[in-house]
Amino acid sequence: MADIFPTGCYAASNGLKDLSKEQVEDSIVVLIGCGPVGICALIAALEYKPKAILAVDGIEARLSLAKSLGAEPWNYLTQKDELEKRVKELSDGRGADVIIEVVGHSSALDMGFKLLRPWGIISSVGVHNGEIPWTGNQAYGKNLTIKMGRCPVRSIFEDSLKLLAKKQHLLDFMTATVMPLSNALEGYELFDSMKVQKVIFDAEK
């Protein structure tokens, strides 16, 4: 609640909160990144009940988790062309209505921009150090709305906590890996190689 879950809620809210109920029900949402924040964003986005959420990542274990929660999983490393076709198919050719980006890399923003329909919304909470991968003229031509930045945890804490209480049973992945603190090096290696979502260290061991 100090960071990850509220940030996921914030990402979903920025993409969907300003749409009418009818617009949300007809919306195609593409979530780019299925790490811990991405999965939290997925759980929050599902509360809005859009027409479909396509979860994009390159790690099959993450995609399996996203699928179990109700998203349509897509591996951008092996299914990039098929993903574009699927977005067009679901949206009657217009493109995704909402992109939720939680990776923090220019290539993820670029993918989102290309999948987005004219007048669509990009909600980005990834920490970016590189350049924005589109020009002002391209953004102007697409009439996009972009909401990008750090989650103001304190201001959304109460609403996020209410959703956490309701959806806590879906967050077991956060506590699935518990290791002795003496094995910290192994824990960091597991996390760095993206074999686990999170690692909890037991300081008494």
N, C-alpha and C. Protein backbone atom coordinates (compact mmCIF):
# COMPACT_ATOMS: atom_id res chain seq x y z
N MET A 1 0.82 -1.22 0.00
CA MET A 1 0.00 0.00 0.00
C MET A 1 0.85 1.26 0.00
N ALA A 2 2.14 1.12 0.17
CA ALA A 2 3.01 2.29 0.09
C ALA A 2 3.36 2.64 -1.35
N ASP A 3 3.14 1.68 -2.26
CA ASP A 3 3.56 1.94 -3.63
C ASP A 3 2.79 1.10 -4.66
N ILE A 4 3.01 -0.21 -4.66
CA ILE A 4 2.65 -1.04 -5.80
C ILE A 4 1.15 -1.08 -6.08
N PHE A 5 0.35 -1.42 -5.09
CA PHE A 5 -1.09 -1.54 -5.36
C PHE A 5 -1.72 -0.19 -5.70
N PRO A 6 -1.46 0.88 -4.94
CA PRO A 6 -2.01 2.18 -5.35
C PRO A 6 -1.56 2.62 -6.74
N THR A 7 -0.32 2.32 -7.09
CA THR A 7 0.16 2.70 -8.42
C THR A 7 -0.61 1.96 -9.51
N GLY A 8 -0.89 0.69 -9.28
CA GLY A 8 -1.72 -0.05 -10.23
C GLY A 8 -3.11 0.54 -10.34
N CYS A 9 -3.68 0.89 -9.20
CA CYS A 9 -5.02 1.52 -9.19
C CYS A 9 -4.99 2.84 -9.94
N TYR A 10 -3.93 3.60 -9.73
CA TYR A 10 -3.79 4.91 -10.37
C TYR A 10 -3.69 4.76 -11.89
N ALA A 11 -2.93 3.77 -12.33
CA ALA A 11 -2.77 3.53 -13.77
C ALA A 11 -4.11 3.18 -14.41
N ALA A 12 -4.87 2.31 -13.77
CA ALA A 12 -6.17 1.92 -14.30
C ALA A 12 -7.15 3.09 -14.28
N SER A 13 -7.15 3.81 -13.18
CA SER A 13 -8.07 4.95 -13.03
C SER A 13 -7.81 6.02 -14.07
N ASN A 14 -6.54 6.34 -14.31
CA ASN A 14 -6.22 7.37 -15.30
C ASN A 14 -6.68 6.98 -16.70
N GLY A 15 -6.72 5.70 -16.97
CA GLY A 15 -7.16 5.26 -18.28
C GLY A 15 -8.66 5.18 -18.45
N LEU A 16 -9.39 4.95 -17.35
CA LEU A 16 -10.81 4.60 -17.48
C LEU A 16 -11.79 5.50 -16.74
N LYS A 17 -11.34 6.24 -15.76
CA LYS A 17 -12.28 6.94 -14.88
C LYS A 17 -13.09 8.03 -15.57
N ASP A 18 -12.56 8.62 -16.62
CA ASP A 18 -13.27 9.72 -17.29
C ASP A 18 -14.20 9.25 -18.40
N LEU A 19 -14.28 7.96 -18.62
CA LEU A 19 -15.18 7.42 -19.64
C LEU A 19 -16.54 7.13 -19.03
N SER A 20 -17.58 7.26 -19.84
CA SER A 20 -18.91 6.91 -19.36
C SER A 20 -19.03 5.40 -19.22
N LYS A 21 -20.04 4.94 -18.52
CA LYS A 21 -20.26 3.51 -18.34
C LYS A 21 -20.38 2.81 -19.69
N GLU A 22 -21.09 3.44 -20.61
CA GLU A 22 -21.28 2.85 -21.94
C GLU A 22 -19.95 2.78 -22.69
N GLN A 23 -19.14 3.83 -22.56
CA GLN A 23 -17.84 3.84 -23.23
C GLN A 23 -16.93 2.75 -22.67
N VAL A 24 -16.92 2.61 -21.35
CA VAL A 24 -16.09 1.58 -20.72
C VAL A 24 -16.51 0.19 -21.20
N GLU A 25 -17.80 -0.05 -21.24
CA GLU A 25 -18.30 -1.37 -21.63
C GLU A 25 -17.94 -1.73 -23.06
N ASP A 26 -17.63 -0.73 -23.88
CA ASP A 26 -17.25 -0.97 -25.27
C ASP A 26 -15.75 -0.82 -25.48
N SER A 27 -15.00 -0.62 -24.40
CA SER A 27 -13.58 -0.30 -24.51
C SER A 27 -12.69 -1.53 -24.62
N ILE A 28 -11.68 -1.41 -25.47
CA ILE A 28 -10.61 -2.39 -25.56
C ILE A 28 -9.40 -1.79 -24.86
N VAL A 29 -8.95 -2.46 -23.82
CA VAL A 29 -7.83 -1.99 -23.01
C VAL A 29 -6.62 -2.89 -23.27
N VAL A 30 -5.47 -2.28 -23.50
CA VAL A 30 -4.23 -3.05 -23.63
C VAL A 30 -3.32 -2.67 -22.47
N LEU A 31 -2.97 -3.66 -21.67
CA LEU A 31 -2.05 -3.48 -20.54
C LEU A 31 -0.68 -3.96 -20.97
N ILE A 32 0.30 -3.07 -20.96
CA ILE A 32 1.65 -3.41 -21.37
C ILE A 32 2.53 -3.52 -20.13
N GLY A 33 2.90 -4.74 -19.80
CA GLY A 33 3.70 -5.01 -18.62
C GLY A 33 2.91 -5.74 -17.55
N CYS A 34 3.30 -6.96 -17.23
CA CYS A 34 2.57 -7.78 -16.25
C CYS A 34 3.42 -8.15 -15.05
N GLY A 35 4.29 -7.22 -14.66
CA GLY A 35 4.99 -7.37 -13.40
C GLY A 35 4.05 -7.05 -12.25
N PRO A 36 4.57 -6.87 -11.04
CA PRO A 36 3.71 -6.62 -9.88
C PRO A 36 2.76 -5.44 -10.04
N VAL A 37 3.26 -4.31 -10.50
CA VAL A 37 2.39 -3.14 -10.69
C VAL A 37 1.39 -3.40 -11.81
N GLY A 38 1.84 -4.05 -12.87
CA GLY A 38 0.94 -4.35 -13.97
C GLY A 38 -0.21 -5.25 -13.57
N ILE A 39 0.08 -6.27 -12.76
CA ILE A 39 -0.99 -7.16 -12.31
C ILE A 39 -1.95 -6.42 -11.39
N CYS A 40 -1.43 -5.53 -10.55
CA CYS A 40 -2.31 -4.71 -9.72
C CYS A 40 -3.17 -3.79 -10.58
N ALA A 41 -2.59 -3.25 -11.65
CA ALA A 41 -3.36 -2.42 -12.58
C ALA A 41 -4.45 -3.25 -13.26
N LEU A 42 -4.13 -4.48 -13.59
CA LEU A 42 -5.12 -5.37 -14.20
C LEU A 42 -6.29 -5.62 -13.26
N ILE A 43 -5.99 -5.93 -12.01
CA ILE A 43 -7.05 -6.17 -11.03
C ILE A 43 -7.94 -4.95 -10.89
N ALA A 44 -7.32 -3.77 -10.86
CA ALA A 44 -8.10 -2.53 -10.75
C ALA A 44 -8.91 -2.26 -12.01
N ALA A 45 -8.30 -2.49 -13.18
CA ALA A 45 -9.00 -2.22 -14.44
C ALA A 45 -10.20 -3.14 -14.63
N LEU A 46 -10.09 -4.37 -14.17
CA LEU A 46 -11.20 -5.31 -14.30
C LEU A 46 -12.43 -4.86 -13.53
N GLU A 47 -12.24 -4.05 -12.50
CA GLU A 47 -13.36 -3.53 -11.73
C GLU A 47 -14.25 -2.61 -12.57
N TYR A 48 -13.66 -1.98 -13.59
CA TYR A 48 -14.44 -1.09 -14.46
C TYR A 48 -15.27 -1.87 -15.46
N LYS A 49 -14.92 -3.14 -15.69
CA LYS A 49 -15.63 -4.03 -16.61
C LYS A 49 -15.61 -3.56 -18.07
N PRO A 50 -14.41 -3.35 -18.62
CA PRO A 50 -14.32 -3.04 -20.05
C PRO A 50 -14.66 -4.27 -20.88
N LYS A 51 -14.83 -4.05 -22.17
CA LYS A 51 -15.17 -5.15 -23.08
C LYS A 51 -14.09 -6.23 -23.07
N ALA A 52 -12.83 -5.80 -23.11
CA ALA A 52 -11.72 -6.76 -23.11
C ALA A 52 -10.46 -6.08 -22.61
N ILE A 53 -9.62 -6.86 -21.93
CA ILE A 53 -8.29 -6.40 -21.54
C ILE A 53 -7.28 -7.38 -22.11
N LEU A 54 -6.36 -6.87 -22.92
CA LEU A 54 -5.29 -7.67 -23.47
C LEU A 54 -4.02 -7.37 -22.67
N ALA A 55 -3.45 -8.40 -22.05
CA ALA A 55 -2.26 -8.24 -21.23
C ALA A 55 -1.03 -8.64 -22.04
N VAL A 56 -0.04 -7.75 -22.09
CA VAL A 56 1.13 -7.94 -22.95
C VAL A 56 2.39 -8.04 -22.10
N ASP A 57 3.18 -9.07 -22.33
CA ASP A 57 4.45 -9.24 -21.64
C ASP A 57 5.28 -10.23 -22.44
N GLY A 58 6.52 -10.44 -22.03
CA GLY A 58 7.36 -11.41 -22.71
C GLY A 58 7.69 -12.62 -21.87
N ILE A 59 7.09 -12.70 -20.67
CA ILE A 59 7.35 -13.80 -19.75
C ILE A 59 6.08 -14.61 -19.57
N GLU A 60 6.15 -15.89 -19.92
CA GLU A 60 4.95 -16.72 -19.94
C GLU A 60 4.30 -16.87 -18.56
N ALA A 61 5.10 -16.94 -17.50
CA ALA A 61 4.53 -17.08 -16.16
C ALA A 61 3.67 -15.88 -15.80
N ARG A 62 4.13 -14.70 -16.18
CA ARG A 62 3.34 -13.49 -15.93
C ARG A 62 2.06 -13.50 -16.75
N LEU A 63 2.16 -13.94 -17.98
CA LEU A 63 0.97 -13.99 -18.84
C LEU A 63 -0.04 -15.01 -18.33
N SER A 64 0.46 -16.12 -17.79
CA SER A 64 -0.45 -17.12 -17.22
C SER A 64 -1.21 -16.55 -16.03
N LEU A 65 -0.51 -15.76 -15.20
CA LEU A 65 -1.17 -15.12 -14.07
C LEU A 65 -2.22 -14.13 -14.55
N ALA A 66 -1.87 -13.33 -15.56
CA ALA A 66 -2.83 -12.36 -16.10
C ALA A 66 -4.06 -13.07 -16.67
N LYS A 67 -3.84 -14.19 -17.34
CA LYS A 67 -4.95 -14.96 -17.91
C LYS A 67 -5.86 -15.49 -16.80
N SER A 68 -5.26 -15.97 -15.72
CA SER A 68 -6.06 -16.52 -14.62
C SER A 68 -6.94 -15.46 -13.97
N LEU A 69 -6.56 -14.20 -14.10
CA LEU A 69 -7.34 -13.10 -13.52
C LEU A 69 -8.42 -12.58 -14.46
N GLY A 70 -8.34 -12.96 -15.74
CA GLY A 70 -9.40 -12.56 -16.67
C GLY A 70 -8.95 -11.80 -17.89
N ALA A 71 -7.64 -11.63 -18.07
CA ALA A 71 -7.14 -10.92 -19.24
C ALA A 71 -6.82 -11.90 -20.37
N GLU A 72 -6.73 -11.36 -21.57
CA GLU A 72 -6.32 -12.14 -22.73
C GLU A 72 -4.81 -11.98 -22.86
N PRO A 73 -4.02 -13.06 -22.71
CA PRO A 73 -2.56 -12.93 -22.68
C PRO A 73 -1.93 -12.88 -24.07
N TRP A 74 -0.93 -11.99 -24.22
CA TRP A 74 -0.23 -11.86 -25.49
C TRP A 74 1.26 -11.66 -25.25
N ASN A 75 2.07 -12.50 -25.88
CA ASN A 75 3.52 -12.42 -25.77
C ASN A 75 4.05 -11.56 -26.91
N TYR A 76 4.56 -10.38 -26.56
CA TYR A 76 5.00 -9.45 -27.61
C TYR A 76 6.24 -9.95 -28.34
N LEU A 77 6.96 -10.91 -27.75
CA LEU A 77 8.16 -11.42 -28.39
C LEU A 77 7.83 -12.38 -29.53
N THR A 78 6.71 -13.06 -29.43
CA THR A 78 6.36 -14.08 -30.43
C THR A 78 5.05 -13.83 -31.14
N GLN A 79 4.26 -12.86 -30.66
CA GLN A 79 2.91 -12.67 -31.21
C GLN A 79 2.61 -11.21 -31.57
N LYS A 80 3.63 -10.45 -31.90
CA LYS A 80 3.44 -9.02 -32.13
C LYS A 80 2.44 -8.74 -33.25
N ASP A 81 2.61 -9.38 -34.38
CA ASP A 81 1.71 -9.14 -35.51
C ASP A 81 0.29 -9.62 -35.19
N GLU A 82 0.20 -10.76 -34.53
CA GLU A 82 -1.12 -11.29 -34.16
C GLU A 82 -1.82 -10.39 -33.16
N LEU A 83 -1.04 -9.77 -32.26
CA LEU A 83 -1.60 -8.84 -31.29
C LEU A 83 -2.26 -7.66 -31.99
N GLU A 84 -1.57 -7.09 -32.96
CA GLU A 84 -2.12 -5.95 -33.70
C GLU A 84 -3.42 -6.34 -34.39
N LYS A 85 -3.44 -7.52 -34.99
CA LYS A 85 -4.66 -8.00 -35.66
C LYS A 85 -5.80 -8.21 -34.67
N ARG A 86 -5.46 -8.74 -33.51
CA ARG A 86 -6.48 -9.01 -32.50
C ARG A 86 -7.09 -7.71 -31.97
N VAL A 87 -6.27 -6.71 -31.75
CA VAL A 87 -6.79 -5.41 -31.29
C VAL A 87 -7.74 -4.84 -32.33
N LYS A 88 -7.37 -4.91 -33.59
CA LYS A 88 -8.24 -4.42 -34.66
C LYS A 88 -9.55 -5.21 -34.73
N GLU A 89 -9.43 -6.52 -34.55
CA GLU A 89 -10.61 -7.39 -34.60
C GLU A 89 -11.59 -7.05 -33.49
N LEU A 90 -11.09 -6.90 -32.28
CA LEU A 90 -11.96 -6.63 -31.13
C LEU A 90 -12.59 -5.24 -31.19
N SER A 91 -11.88 -4.31 -31.82
CA SER A 91 -12.32 -2.91 -31.82
C SER A 91 -12.98 -2.48 -33.12
N ASP A 92 -13.34 -3.43 -33.96
CA ASP A 92 -13.93 -3.11 -35.26
C ASP A 92 -13.03 -2.22 -36.10
N GLY A 93 -11.72 -2.43 -35.94
CA GLY A 93 -10.75 -1.74 -36.77
C GLY A 93 -10.22 -0.43 -36.24
N ARG A 94 -10.76 0.07 -35.12
CA ARG A 94 -10.36 1.41 -34.68
C ARG A 94 -9.05 1.44 -33.89
N GLY A 95 -8.70 0.34 -33.23
CA GLY A 95 -7.54 0.32 -32.35
C GLY A 95 -7.96 0.34 -30.89
N ALA A 96 -6.99 0.20 -30.01
CA ALA A 96 -7.28 0.16 -28.57
C ALA A 96 -7.78 1.51 -28.09
N ASP A 97 -8.74 1.47 -27.18
CA ASP A 97 -9.28 2.70 -26.61
C ASP A 97 -8.40 3.23 -25.49
N VAL A 98 -7.82 2.31 -24.73
CA VAL A 98 -6.99 2.67 -23.57
C VAL A 98 -5.74 1.81 -23.56
N ILE A 99 -4.60 2.46 -23.37
CA ILE A 99 -3.33 1.77 -23.16
C ILE A 99 -2.89 2.04 -21.73
N ILE A 100 -2.58 0.99 -20.98
CA ILE A 100 -2.01 1.14 -19.64
C ILE A 100 -0.58 0.62 -19.72
N GLU A 101 0.39 1.51 -19.54
CA GLU A 101 1.81 1.15 -19.71
C GLU A 101 2.52 1.23 -18.36
N VAL A 102 3.12 0.12 -17.95
CA VAL A 102 3.78 0.08 -16.64
C VAL A 102 5.22 -0.43 -16.74
N VAL A 103 5.80 -0.39 -17.92
CA VAL A 103 7.14 -0.94 -18.14
C VAL A 103 8.23 0.08 -17.84
N GLY A 104 8.06 1.29 -18.35
CA GLY A 104 9.08 2.31 -18.16
C GLY A 104 10.15 2.28 -19.23
N HIS A 105 9.78 1.88 -20.43
CA HIS A 105 10.74 1.82 -21.54
C HIS A 105 10.10 2.41 -22.79
N SER A 106 10.91 3.11 -23.58
CA SER A 106 10.39 3.77 -24.78
C SER A 106 9.71 2.79 -25.73
N SER A 107 10.22 1.57 -25.81
CA SER A 107 9.63 0.60 -26.72
C SER A 107 8.21 0.24 -26.31
N ALA A 108 7.94 0.25 -25.00
CA ALA A 108 6.58 -0.04 -24.52
C ALA A 108 5.63 1.09 -24.88
N LEU A 109 6.09 2.33 -24.72
CA LEU A 109 5.27 3.47 -25.12
C LEU A 109 5.02 3.46 -26.62
N ASP A 110 6.05 3.10 -27.38
CA ASP A 110 5.91 3.06 -28.83
C ASP A 110 4.88 2.01 -29.25
N MET A 111 4.92 0.85 -28.63
CA MET A 111 3.94 -0.19 -28.91
C MET A 111 2.53 0.32 -28.60
N GLY A 112 2.39 0.94 -27.43
CA GLY A 112 1.08 1.47 -27.05
C GLY A 112 0.56 2.51 -28.01
N PHE A 113 1.43 3.40 -28.43
CA PHE A 113 1.03 4.46 -29.37
C PHE A 113 0.54 3.86 -30.68
N LYS A 114 1.23 2.84 -31.16
CA LYS A 114 0.86 2.22 -32.44
C LYS A 114 -0.46 1.44 -32.34
N LEU A 115 -0.74 0.89 -31.17
CA LEU A 115 -1.99 0.13 -30.99
C LEU A 115 -3.18 1.03 -30.69
N LEU A 116 -2.91 2.26 -30.26
CA LEU A 116 -3.96 3.17 -29.82
C LEU A 116 -4.76 3.74 -30.98
N ARG A 117 -6.05 3.86 -30.79
CA ARG A 117 -6.91 4.48 -31.80
C ARG A 117 -6.81 6.00 -31.72
N PRO A 118 -7.24 6.72 -32.76
CA PRO A 118 -7.37 8.17 -32.65
C PRO A 118 -8.32 8.53 -31.51
N TRP A 119 -7.98 9.55 -30.75
CA TRP A 119 -8.74 10.01 -29.58
C TRP A 119 -8.62 9.04 -28.40
N GLY A 120 -7.66 8.13 -28.46
CA GLY A 120 -7.48 7.18 -27.37
C GLY A 120 -6.71 7.77 -26.20
N ILE A 121 -6.58 6.96 -25.14
CA ILE A 121 -5.95 7.39 -23.90
C ILE A 121 -4.76 6.49 -23.58
N ILE A 122 -3.62 7.11 -23.28
CA ILE A 122 -2.47 6.38 -22.75
C ILE A 122 -2.29 6.76 -21.29
N SER A 123 -2.30 5.76 -20.43
CA SER A 123 -2.01 5.95 -19.00
C SER A 123 -0.67 5.28 -18.72
N SER A 124 0.33 6.08 -18.38
CA SER A 124 1.68 5.56 -18.19
C SER A 124 2.19 5.85 -16.78
N VAL A 125 2.54 4.78 -16.06
CA VAL A 125 3.14 4.94 -14.74
C VAL A 125 4.54 4.33 -14.70
N GLY A 126 5.03 3.84 -15.83
CA GLY A 126 6.40 3.35 -15.89
C GLY A 126 7.38 4.49 -15.69
N VAL A 127 8.51 4.22 -15.06
CA VAL A 127 9.52 5.26 -14.82
C VAL A 127 10.41 5.35 -16.05
N HIS A 128 10.28 6.43 -16.80
CA HIS A 128 10.98 6.57 -18.08
C HIS A 128 12.21 7.45 -17.95
N ASN A 129 13.32 6.95 -18.50
CA ASN A 129 14.56 7.73 -18.57
C ASN A 129 14.94 8.07 -20.00
N GLY A 130 14.30 7.40 -20.95
CA GLY A 130 14.59 7.65 -22.36
C GLY A 130 13.65 8.67 -22.96
N GLU A 131 13.74 8.84 -24.27
CA GLU A 131 12.92 9.82 -24.97
C GLU A 131 11.52 9.27 -25.24
N ILE A 132 10.55 10.17 -25.34
CA ILE A 132 9.22 9.79 -25.78
C ILE A 132 9.32 9.39 -27.26
N PRO A 133 8.81 8.22 -27.64
CA PRO A 133 9.09 7.67 -28.97
C PRO A 133 8.17 8.15 -30.08
N TRP A 134 7.51 9.27 -29.89
CA TRP A 134 6.73 9.83 -30.98
C TRP A 134 6.91 11.34 -31.00
N THR A 135 6.65 11.94 -32.13
CA THR A 135 6.82 13.38 -32.27
C THR A 135 5.56 14.12 -31.85
N GLY A 136 5.71 15.41 -31.63
CA GLY A 136 4.54 16.23 -31.34
C GLY A 136 3.54 16.19 -32.47
N ASN A 137 4.03 16.14 -33.70
CA ASN A 137 3.13 16.09 -34.85
C ASN A 137 2.34 14.78 -34.89
N GLN A 138 2.99 13.68 -34.52
CA GLN A 138 2.27 12.39 -34.47
C GLN A 138 1.20 12.40 -33.39
N ALA A 139 1.52 12.96 -32.24
CA ALA A 139 0.54 13.05 -31.16
C ALA A 139 -0.62 13.96 -31.56
N TYR A 140 -0.29 15.05 -32.21
CA TYR A 140 -1.31 15.99 -32.69
C TYR A 140 -2.24 15.29 -33.67
N GLY A 141 -1.65 14.52 -34.58
CA GLY A 141 -2.45 13.84 -35.59
C GLY A 141 -3.37 12.78 -35.02
N LYS A 142 -2.98 12.18 -33.89
CA LYS A 142 -3.79 11.13 -33.28
C LYS A 142 -4.78 11.68 -32.26
N ASN A 143 -4.62 12.95 -31.88
CA ASN A 143 -5.51 13.54 -30.87
C ASN A 143 -5.53 12.71 -29.58
N LEU A 144 -4.36 12.22 -29.18
CA LEU A 144 -4.33 11.35 -28.02
C LEU A 144 -4.41 12.13 -26.71
N THR A 145 -4.86 11.44 -25.68
CA THR A 145 -4.78 11.95 -24.31
C THR A 145 -3.75 11.11 -23.59
N ILE A 146 -2.77 11.75 -22.96
CA ILE A 146 -1.76 11.00 -22.22
C ILE A 146 -1.72 11.48 -20.78
N LYS A 147 -1.79 10.52 -19.89
CA LYS A 147 -1.68 10.79 -18.45
C LYS A 147 -0.48 10.01 -17.96
N MET A 148 0.51 10.73 -17.47
CA MET A 148 1.81 10.12 -17.24
C MET A 148 2.43 10.69 -15.97
N GLY A 149 2.92 9.81 -15.11
CA GLY A 149 3.61 10.32 -13.95
C GLY A 149 3.52 9.43 -12.72
N ARG A 150 4.13 9.93 -11.66
CA ARG A 150 4.19 9.21 -10.40
C ARG A 150 2.84 9.17 -9.70
N CYS A 151 2.54 8.05 -9.07
CA CYS A 151 1.29 7.91 -8.33
C CYS A 151 1.31 8.75 -7.06
N PRO A 152 0.28 9.59 -6.84
CA PRO A 152 0.17 10.35 -5.59
C PRO A 152 -0.49 9.47 -4.52
N VAL A 153 0.29 8.59 -3.92
CA VAL A 153 -0.26 7.52 -3.07
C VAL A 153 -1.18 8.06 -1.98
N ARG A 154 -0.78 9.11 -1.30
CA ARG A 154 -1.59 9.60 -0.18
C ARG A 154 -2.99 10.00 -0.61
N SER A 155 -3.09 10.61 -1.77
CA SER A 155 -4.41 11.12 -2.19
C SER A 155 -5.35 10.02 -2.66
N ILE A 156 -4.82 8.86 -3.02
CA ILE A 156 -5.70 7.77 -3.48
C ILE A 156 -5.65 6.57 -2.53
N PHE A 157 -5.01 6.74 -1.39
CA PHE A 157 -4.80 5.63 -0.46
C PHE A 157 -6.12 5.01 -0.01
N GLU A 158 -7.07 5.84 0.37
CA GLU A 158 -8.33 5.34 0.92
C GLU A 158 -9.09 4.48 -0.10
N ASP A 159 -9.21 4.98 -1.32
CA ASP A 159 -9.91 4.22 -2.36
C ASP A 159 -9.16 2.93 -2.71
N SER A 160 -7.83 3.03 -2.75
CA SER A 160 -7.03 1.84 -3.06
C SER A 160 -7.16 0.78 -1.97
N LEU A 161 -7.22 1.23 -0.72
CA LEU A 161 -7.35 0.29 0.39
C LEU A 161 -8.69 -0.44 0.34
N LYS A 162 -9.73 0.27 -0.06
CA LYS A 162 -11.05 -0.37 -0.19
C LYS A 162 -11.02 -1.46 -1.25
N LEU A 163 -10.36 -1.17 -2.37
CA LEU A 163 -10.26 -2.18 -3.43
C LEU A 163 -9.38 -3.34 -2.98
N LEU A 164 -8.30 -3.04 -2.26
CA LEU A 164 -7.43 -4.10 -1.75
C LEU A 164 -8.21 -5.06 -0.85
N ALA A 165 -9.03 -4.50 0.03
CA ALA A 165 -9.83 -5.34 0.93
C ALA A 165 -10.76 -6.26 0.14
N LYS A 166 -11.25 -5.76 -0.98
CA LYS A 166 -12.18 -6.53 -1.81
C LYS A 166 -11.47 -7.58 -2.66
N LYS A 167 -10.24 -7.29 -3.06
CA LYS A 167 -9.54 -8.14 -4.02
C LYS A 167 -8.28 -8.81 -3.46
N GLN A 168 -8.12 -8.77 -2.15
CA GLN A 168 -6.90 -9.29 -1.55
C GLN A 168 -6.64 -10.76 -1.90
N HIS A 169 -7.71 -11.52 -2.09
CA HIS A 169 -7.56 -12.94 -2.42
C HIS A 169 -6.90 -13.18 -3.77
N LEU A 170 -6.83 -12.13 -4.59
CA LEU A 170 -6.20 -12.26 -5.91
C LEU A 170 -4.71 -11.91 -5.89
N LEU A 171 -4.22 -11.50 -4.73
CA LEU A 171 -2.86 -10.98 -4.65
C LEU A 171 -1.87 -11.95 -4.00
N ASP A 172 -2.19 -13.24 -4.01
CA ASP A 172 -1.29 -14.22 -3.41
C ASP A 172 0.09 -14.23 -4.07
N PHE A 173 0.15 -13.82 -5.33
CA PHE A 173 1.43 -13.81 -6.04
C PHE A 173 2.45 -12.90 -5.36
N MET A 174 1.98 -11.92 -4.60
CA MET A 174 2.87 -10.99 -3.92
C MET A 174 3.65 -11.67 -2.79
N THR A 175 3.07 -12.71 -2.21
CA THR A 175 3.68 -13.35 -1.04
C THR A 175 4.04 -14.81 -1.29
N ALA A 176 4.14 -15.18 -2.55
CA ALA A 176 4.39 -16.59 -2.90
C ALA A 176 5.83 -17.02 -2.63
N THR A 177 6.77 -16.08 -2.63
CA THR A 177 8.18 -16.42 -2.46
C THR A 177 8.72 -15.79 -1.19
N VAL A 178 8.93 -16.61 -0.17
CA VAL A 178 9.48 -16.15 1.11
C VAL A 178 10.82 -16.85 1.32
N MET A 179 11.88 -16.07 1.58
CA MET A 179 13.22 -16.62 1.72
C MET A 179 13.89 -16.07 2.96
N PRO A 180 14.83 -16.82 3.54
CA PRO A 180 15.62 -16.28 4.65
C PRO A 180 16.44 -15.08 4.17
N LEU A 181 16.62 -14.11 5.02
CA LEU A 181 17.43 -12.95 4.66
C LEU A 181 18.85 -13.36 4.31
N SER A 182 19.30 -14.45 4.90
CA SER A 182 20.65 -14.94 4.60
C SER A 182 20.79 -15.39 3.15
N ASN A 183 19.67 -15.60 2.47
CA ASN A 183 19.68 -15.98 1.05
C ASN A 183 19.33 -14.80 0.15
N ALA A 184 19.62 -13.59 0.63
CA ALA A 184 19.22 -12.38 -0.11
C ALA A 184 19.80 -12.34 -1.52
N LEU A 185 21.04 -12.77 -1.67
CA LEU A 185 21.67 -12.74 -3.00
C LEU A 185 20.88 -13.59 -3.98
N GLU A 186 20.50 -14.78 -3.56
CA GLU A 186 19.69 -15.66 -4.41
C GLU A 186 18.34 -15.02 -4.73
N GLY A 187 17.75 -14.37 -3.73
CA GLY A 187 16.46 -13.72 -3.93
C GLY A 187 16.53 -12.62 -4.97
N TYR A 188 17.58 -11.80 -4.89
CA TYR A 188 17.74 -10.72 -5.86
C TYR A 188 18.01 -11.27 -7.26
N GLU A 189 18.74 -12.38 -7.33
CA GLU A 189 19.00 -12.99 -8.63
C GLU A 189 17.71 -13.53 -9.24
N LEU A 190 16.85 -14.14 -8.41
CA LEU A 190 15.56 -14.62 -8.90
C LEU A 190 14.71 -13.48 -9.43
N PHE A 191 14.70 -12.38 -8.69
CA PHE A 191 13.89 -11.23 -9.10
C PHE A 191 14.47 -10.59 -10.35
N ASP A 192 15.79 -10.46 -10.39
CA ASP A 192 16.43 -9.82 -11.54
C ASP A 192 16.22 -10.63 -12.82
N SER A 193 16.15 -11.94 -12.69
CA SER A 193 15.92 -12.80 -13.86
C SER A 193 14.44 -12.99 -14.15
N MET A 194 13.59 -12.26 -13.41
CA MET A 194 12.14 -12.24 -13.62
C MET A 194 11.51 -13.62 -13.46
N LYS A 195 12.04 -14.41 -12.53
CA LYS A 195 11.47 -15.72 -12.25
C LYS A 195 10.43 -15.67 -11.15
N VAL A 196 10.36 -14.55 -10.44
CA VAL A 196 9.36 -14.36 -9.39
C VAL A 196 8.79 -12.95 -9.51
N GLN A 197 7.61 -12.74 -8.97
CA GLN A 197 7.01 -11.40 -8.98
C GLN A 197 7.60 -10.53 -7.87
N LYS A 198 7.67 -11.10 -6.66
CA LYS A 198 8.23 -10.40 -5.51
C LYS A 198 8.92 -11.41 -4.61
N VAL A 199 9.85 -10.93 -3.78
CA VAL A 199 10.52 -11.76 -2.80
C VAL A 199 10.35 -11.13 -1.43
N ILE A 200 9.92 -11.93 -0.46
CA ILE A 200 9.84 -11.48 0.93
C ILE A 200 10.99 -12.14 1.69
N PHE A 201 11.78 -11.32 2.40
CA PHE A 201 12.87 -11.85 3.20
C PHE A 201 12.45 -11.96 4.66
N ASP A 202 12.71 -13.13 5.24
CA ASP A 202 12.47 -13.36 6.66
C ASP A 202 13.74 -12.96 7.41
N ALA A 203 13.68 -11.84 8.13
CA ALA A 203 14.87 -11.29 8.78
C ALA A 203 15.34 -12.12 9.97
N GLU A 204 14.53 -13.05 10.42
CA GLU A 204 14.92 -13.87 11.57
C GLU A 204 15.66 -15.13 11.15
N LYS A 205 15.85 -15.30 9.84
CA LYS A 205 16.54 -16.51 9.36
C LYS A 205 17.76 -16.15 8.53
